[in-house]
N, C-alpha and C. Protein backbone atom coordinates (compact mmCIF):
# COMPACT_ATOMS: atom_id res chain seq x y z
N UNK A 1 -49.54 32.92 -60.99
CA UNK A 1 -49.70 31.66 -61.14
C UNK A 1 -48.47 30.93 -60.04
N UNK A 2 -49.22 30.09 -59.60
CA UNK A 2 -48.54 28.95 -58.81
C UNK A 2 -47.90 27.91 -59.16
N UNK A 3 -46.58 27.84 -59.03
CA UNK A 3 -45.77 26.30 -59.23
C UNK A 3 -45.91 25.35 -58.78
N UNK A 4 -46.02 24.08 -59.16
CA UNK A 4 -45.25 22.99 -58.30
C UNK A 4 -44.17 22.71 -58.62
N UNK A 5 -43.28 23.39 -59.25
CA UNK A 5 -41.76 22.94 -59.04
C UNK A 5 -41.34 24.02 -58.15
N UNK A 6 -40.81 23.00 -57.20
CA UNK A 6 -40.14 23.63 -56.08
C UNK A 6 -39.05 24.15 -56.04
N UNK A 7 -37.95 23.93 -57.06
CA UNK A 7 -36.79 24.33 -57.50
C UNK A 7 -37.28 25.98 -58.25
N UNK A 8 -38.11 26.00 -59.14
CA UNK A 8 -38.69 27.17 -59.56
C UNK A 8 -39.05 28.25 -59.26
N UNK A 9 -39.49 27.84 -57.91
CA UNK A 9 -40.13 28.74 -56.64
C UNK A 9 -39.04 29.40 -55.93
N UNK A 10 -38.31 28.55 -55.82
CA UNK A 10 -36.44 28.99 -55.15
C UNK A 10 -36.08 29.81 -55.80
N UNK A 11 -36.11 29.59 -57.59
CA UNK A 11 -34.98 30.51 -57.97
C UNK A 11 -36.13 31.88 -58.45
N UNK A 12 -36.95 31.96 -57.93
CA UNK A 12 -37.75 32.77 -58.32
C UNK A 12 -37.81 33.99 -57.06
N UNK A 13 -37.71 33.40 -55.79
CA UNK A 13 -36.92 34.17 -54.76
C UNK A 13 -35.73 34.53 -54.86
N UNK A 14 -34.88 33.47 -55.58
CA UNK A 14 -33.41 34.21 -55.51
C UNK A 14 -33.26 35.63 -56.79
N UNK A 15 -34.20 35.31 -57.61
CA UNK A 15 -34.12 36.62 -58.67
C UNK A 15 -34.57 37.48 -58.29
N UNK A 16 -35.73 37.65 -57.21
CA UNK A 16 -36.32 39.05 -56.20
C UNK A 16 -34.94 39.34 -55.25
N UNK A 17 -34.49 38.39 -54.78
CA UNK A 17 -33.40 38.93 -54.11
C UNK A 17 -32.14 39.30 -54.68
N UNK A 18 -31.80 38.87 -55.90
CA UNK A 18 -30.78 39.62 -56.84
C UNK A 18 -31.18 40.97 -57.31
N UNK A 19 -32.58 41.03 -57.27
CA UNK A 19 -32.74 42.60 -57.68
C UNK A 19 -32.52 43.31 -56.81
N UNK A 20 -32.82 43.34 -55.71
CA UNK A 20 -32.87 44.09 -54.30
C UNK A 20 -31.03 44.10 -54.26
N UNK A 21 -30.44 43.54 -54.22
CA UNK A 21 -28.85 43.38 -54.08
C UNK A 21 -28.49 44.50 -55.21
N UNK A 22 -28.73 43.96 -56.33
CA UNK A 22 -28.09 44.98 -57.49
C UNK A 22 -28.14 46.13 -57.92
N UNK A 23 -29.35 46.60 -57.12
CA UNK A 23 -29.82 47.95 -57.20
C UNK A 23 -28.84 49.08 -56.61
N UNK A 24 -28.20 48.35 -55.80
CA UNK A 24 -27.18 49.42 -55.46
C UNK A 24 -25.93 49.31 -55.92
N UNK A 25 -25.74 48.71 -57.13
CA UNK A 25 -24.68 48.58 -57.59
C UNK A 25 -24.37 50.05 -58.48
N UNK A 26 -23.12 50.38 -58.74
CA UNK A 26 -22.83 51.57 -59.41
C UNK A 26 -23.51 51.75 -60.95
N UNK A 27 -23.74 52.98 -61.78
CA UNK A 27 -24.43 52.66 -63.00
C UNK A 27 -23.54 52.22 -63.99
N UNK A 28 -22.14 52.65 -63.75
CA UNK A 28 -21.16 52.05 -64.90
C UNK A 28 -20.89 50.56 -64.95
N UNK A 29 -21.44 49.89 -63.96
CA UNK A 29 -21.13 48.31 -63.89
C UNK A 29 -22.65 47.73 -64.48
N UNK A 30 -23.36 48.20 -65.62
CA UNK A 30 -24.54 47.82 -65.79
C UNK A 30 -24.27 46.70 -66.60
N UNK A 31 -23.10 46.03 -67.22
CA UNK A 31 -22.77 44.72 -67.66
C UNK A 31 -22.70 43.47 -66.78
N UNK A 32 -22.25 43.86 -65.59
CA UNK A 32 -22.28 43.17 -64.73
C UNK A 32 -23.58 42.82 -64.07
N UNK A 33 -24.18 44.07 -63.85
CA UNK A 33 -25.85 43.60 -63.21
C UNK A 33 -26.52 43.07 -64.43
N UNK A 34 -26.46 43.29 -65.93
CA UNK A 34 -27.35 42.86 -67.10
C UNK A 34 -26.78 41.31 -66.83
N UNK A 35 -25.28 40.54 -66.64
CA UNK A 35 -25.45 39.36 -66.81
C UNK A 35 -25.95 38.58 -65.71
N UNK A 36 -25.95 39.34 -64.44
CA UNK A 36 -26.44 38.44 -63.22
C UNK A 36 -28.04 38.17 -63.90
N UNK A 37 -28.55 39.00 -64.17
CA UNK A 37 -29.95 39.34 -64.28
C UNK A 37 -30.40 38.33 -65.47
N UNK A 38 -29.75 38.39 -66.28
CA UNK A 38 -30.00 37.48 -67.63
C UNK A 38 -29.74 36.30 -67.29
N UNK A 39 -28.86 35.80 -66.56
CA UNK A 39 -28.46 34.37 -66.36
C UNK A 39 -29.35 33.94 -65.43
N UNK A 40 -29.83 34.77 -64.57
CA UNK A 40 -30.57 34.04 -63.34
C UNK A 40 -31.99 33.89 -64.09
N UNK A 41 -32.50 34.82 -65.18
CA UNK A 41 -33.72 34.54 -65.96
C UNK A 41 -33.69 33.03 -66.96
N UNK A 42 -32.29 32.82 -67.33
CA UNK A 42 -31.87 32.00 -68.18
C UNK A 42 -31.85 30.46 -67.56
N UNK A 43 -31.76 30.38 -66.08
CA UNK A 43 -31.76 29.42 -65.26
C UNK A 43 -33.42 29.40 -64.59
N UNK A 44 -33.95 30.13 -64.84
CA UNK A 44 -35.49 29.90 -64.53
C UNK A 44 -36.40 28.95 -65.66
N UNK A 45 -35.57 29.42 -67.07
CA UNK A 45 -36.40 29.03 -68.64
C UNK A 45 -35.83 27.66 -68.34
N UNK A 46 -35.01 27.56 -68.32
CA UNK A 46 -34.22 26.20 -68.52
C UNK A 46 -34.80 25.12 -67.42
N UNK A 47 -35.03 25.46 -66.18
CA UNK A 47 -35.61 24.92 -65.35
C UNK A 47 -36.79 24.19 -66.26
N UNK A 48 -37.96 25.33 -66.62
CA UNK A 48 -38.98 24.83 -66.97
C UNK A 48 -39.01 23.95 -68.26
N UNK A 49 -38.23 24.21 -69.01
CA UNK A 49 -37.62 23.64 -70.21
C UNK A 49 -37.34 22.03 -69.98
N UNK A 50 -36.49 21.72 -68.77
CA UNK A 50 -35.63 21.00 -68.49
C UNK A 50 -37.11 19.87 -67.92
N UNK A 51 -37.76 20.44 -67.28
CA UNK A 51 -38.81 19.51 -66.62
C UNK A 51 -39.94 18.88 -67.72
N UNK A 52 -39.67 19.54 -68.92
CA UNK A 52 -40.97 19.00 -69.66
C UNK A 52 -39.82 17.67 -70.52
N UNK A 53 -38.63 17.47 -70.46
CA UNK A 53 -37.88 16.33 -71.11
C UNK A 53 -38.38 15.18 -70.52
N UNK A 54 -37.74 14.08 -71.13
CA UNK A 54 -37.89 12.89 -70.54
C UNK A 54 -36.24 12.97 -69.73
N UNK A 55 -36.26 11.52 -68.95
CA UNK A 55 -35.04 11.75 -67.59
C UNK A 55 -33.52 11.65 -68.61
N UNK A 56 -33.47 11.12 -69.51
CA UNK A 56 -32.28 10.83 -70.26
C UNK A 56 -31.70 11.85 -70.67
N UNK A 57 -32.71 12.94 -71.49
CA UNK A 57 -32.17 14.20 -72.21
C UNK A 57 -31.88 15.50 -71.29
N UNK A 58 -32.47 15.04 -69.63
CA UNK A 58 -32.27 16.19 -68.52
C UNK A 58 -30.77 16.62 -68.22
N UNK A 59 -30.35 15.65 -68.18
CA UNK A 59 -28.64 15.42 -68.05
C UNK A 59 -27.75 16.97 -68.81
N UNK A 60 -27.92 16.95 -70.19
CA UNK A 60 -27.12 17.76 -70.44
C UNK A 60 -27.69 19.17 -70.00
N UNK A 61 -29.12 19.75 -70.05
CA UNK A 61 -29.43 20.63 -69.67
C UNK A 61 -29.60 21.12 -68.35
N UNK A 62 -29.47 20.01 -67.24
CA UNK A 62 -28.93 20.61 -66.01
C UNK A 62 -27.50 20.97 -66.05
N UNK A 63 -26.89 20.24 -66.76
CA UNK A 63 -25.62 20.66 -66.61
C UNK A 63 -25.32 22.05 -67.45
N UNK A 64 -26.21 22.18 -68.08
CA UNK A 64 -26.42 23.96 -68.39
C UNK A 64 -26.70 24.68 -67.56
N UNK A 65 -27.70 24.30 -66.87
CA UNK A 65 -28.04 25.15 -65.51
C UNK A 65 -27.22 25.22 -64.41
N UNK A 66 -26.10 24.27 -64.07
CA UNK A 66 -25.35 24.19 -63.34
C UNK A 66 -23.95 25.27 -63.59
N UNK A 67 -23.73 25.41 -65.11
CA UNK A 67 -22.74 26.19 -65.39
C UNK A 67 -22.85 27.74 -65.00
N UNK A 68 -24.40 28.02 -65.39
CA UNK A 68 -24.98 29.43 -65.55
C UNK A 68 -24.89 29.77 -63.93
N UNK A 69 -25.16 28.69 -63.05
CA UNK A 69 -25.29 29.42 -61.61
C UNK A 69 -23.66 29.49 -61.10
N UNK A 70 -22.86 28.52 -61.57
CA UNK A 70 -21.35 28.91 -61.16
C UNK A 70 -21.00 30.27 -61.74
N UNK A 71 -21.31 30.95 -62.94
CA UNK A 71 -21.17 32.01 -63.53
C UNK A 71 -22.00 33.20 -62.56
N UNK A 72 -22.72 33.06 -61.99
CA UNK A 72 -23.69 33.98 -61.50
C UNK A 72 -22.71 33.85 -60.24
N UNK A 73 -22.26 32.93 -59.53
CA UNK A 73 -21.52 32.92 -58.23
C UNK A 73 -20.15 33.90 -58.52
N UNK A 74 -19.66 33.45 -60.10
CA UNK A 74 -18.26 34.14 -60.05
C UNK A 74 -18.69 35.95 -60.16
N UNK A 75 -20.18 35.99 -60.67
CA UNK A 75 -20.12 37.90 -60.87
C UNK A 75 -20.32 38.16 -59.68
N UNK A 76 -20.81 37.43 -58.65
CA UNK A 76 -20.69 37.83 -57.08
C UNK A 76 -19.78 38.23 -56.57
N UNK A 77 -18.86 37.09 -56.66
CA UNK A 77 -17.49 37.16 -56.29
C UNK A 77 -16.45 38.68 -56.91
N UNK A 78 -17.17 38.70 -58.09
CA UNK A 78 -16.33 40.08 -58.42
C UNK A 78 -17.12 41.18 -57.91
N UNK A 79 -18.18 41.13 -57.59
CA UNK A 79 -18.87 42.34 -56.98
C UNK A 79 -18.28 42.40 -55.45
N UNK A 80 -17.95 41.32 -54.73
CA UNK A 80 -17.71 41.03 -53.45
C UNK A 80 -16.16 41.97 -53.69
N UNK A 81 -15.35 41.25 -54.47
CA UNK A 81 -13.92 42.08 -54.67
C UNK A 81 -14.18 43.67 -55.02
N UNK A 82 -14.90 44.00 -55.80
CA UNK A 82 -14.83 45.42 -55.98
C UNK A 82 -16.02 45.96 -54.92
N UNK A 83 -16.36 45.66 -53.61
CA UNK A 83 -16.69 46.02 -52.80
C UNK A 83 -18.45 46.81 -52.87
N UNK A 84 -18.96 45.96 -53.67
CA UNK A 84 -20.34 46.33 -54.06
C UNK A 84 -21.64 45.83 -53.46
N UNK A 85 -20.97 44.61 -52.96
CA UNK A 85 -21.84 43.80 -51.85
C UNK A 85 -20.80 43.64 -50.51
N UNK A 86 -21.67 43.49 -49.59
CA UNK A 86 -20.61 42.69 -48.33
C UNK A 86 -20.77 41.53 -48.36
N UNK A 87 -19.75 40.68 -47.24
CA UNK A 87 -19.66 39.56 -47.28
C UNK A 87 -20.62 38.61 -46.84
N UNK A 88 -21.36 39.04 -46.02
CA UNK A 88 -22.50 38.49 -45.54
C UNK A 88 -23.50 38.58 -46.77
N UNK A 89 -23.81 39.15 -47.24
CA UNK A 89 -24.66 38.94 -48.80
C UNK A 89 -23.79 38.50 -49.71
N UNK A 90 -22.80 38.07 -49.91
CA UNK A 90 -22.06 37.15 -50.61
C UNK A 90 -22.34 35.38 -50.47
N UNK A 91 -22.28 35.29 -48.96
CA UNK A 91 -22.96 33.96 -48.09
C UNK A 91 -24.05 33.69 -48.28
N UNK A 92 -24.57 34.45 -48.41
CA UNK A 92 -26.42 34.37 -48.34
C UNK A 92 -26.56 34.02 -50.09
N UNK A 93 -26.16 34.56 -50.77
CA UNK A 93 -25.83 34.47 -52.58
C UNK A 93 -25.68 32.89 -52.31
N UNK A 94 -24.47 32.62 -51.72
CA UNK A 94 -24.03 31.79 -52.08
C UNK A 94 -24.64 30.29 -51.78
N UNK A 95 -24.94 30.59 -50.49
CA UNK A 95 -25.95 29.66 -50.03
C UNK A 95 -27.04 29.04 -51.23
N UNK A 96 -27.96 30.13 -51.20
CA UNK A 96 -28.78 30.03 -52.09
C UNK A 96 -28.67 29.57 -53.43
N UNK A 97 -27.48 29.94 -54.40
CA UNK A 97 -27.09 29.36 -55.46
C UNK A 97 -26.59 27.81 -55.04
N UNK A 98 -26.00 27.38 -54.11
CA UNK A 98 -25.88 25.96 -53.92
C UNK A 98 -27.09 25.16 -53.34
N UNK A 99 -28.13 25.70 -52.98
CA UNK A 99 -29.13 25.30 -52.55
C UNK A 99 -29.59 24.52 -53.83
N UNK A 100 -29.65 25.25 -55.11
CA UNK A 100 -30.37 25.47 -56.10
C UNK A 100 -29.39 24.19 -56.82
N UNK A 101 -28.47 24.06 -56.80
CA UNK A 101 -27.45 23.20 -57.22
C UNK A 101 -27.53 21.67 -56.75
N UNK A 102 -27.77 21.65 -55.25
CA UNK A 102 -28.25 20.26 -54.91
C UNK A 102 -29.29 20.14 -55.21
N UNK A 103 -30.48 20.55 -55.58
CA UNK A 103 -32.04 20.36 -55.77
C UNK A 103 -31.60 19.73 -57.19
N UNK A 104 -30.57 20.43 -57.83
CA UNK A 104 -30.53 19.75 -59.39
C UNK A 104 -29.73 18.48 -59.47
N UNK A 105 -28.61 18.26 -58.54
CA UNK A 105 -28.32 16.92 -58.46
C UNK A 105 -29.43 15.96 -57.87
N UNK A 106 -30.33 16.31 -57.31
CA UNK A 106 -31.38 15.32 -56.59
C UNK A 106 -30.95 14.62 -55.10
């Protein structure tokens, strides 16, 4: 299914990239992996939901999306501190997340 929403396409690419990254996490970090993937899919779901709302009601949900993006950034910061990912991957994830936040702000 082809989407007309540019942000939804970017989030789908982000989810695919996250899947490739977190596959190398240790098995005992299943909570961290689950939180990253769960928040990623919730962001995609909220983007589709927010798109159907009128502009006045969108602001609340956009703030929820931004808070979930910041939580994903925090989870990857923990992953960097525990040396599950490299700094290069962390910066790439950060650039991806900041692109999503910028597109939400318009």
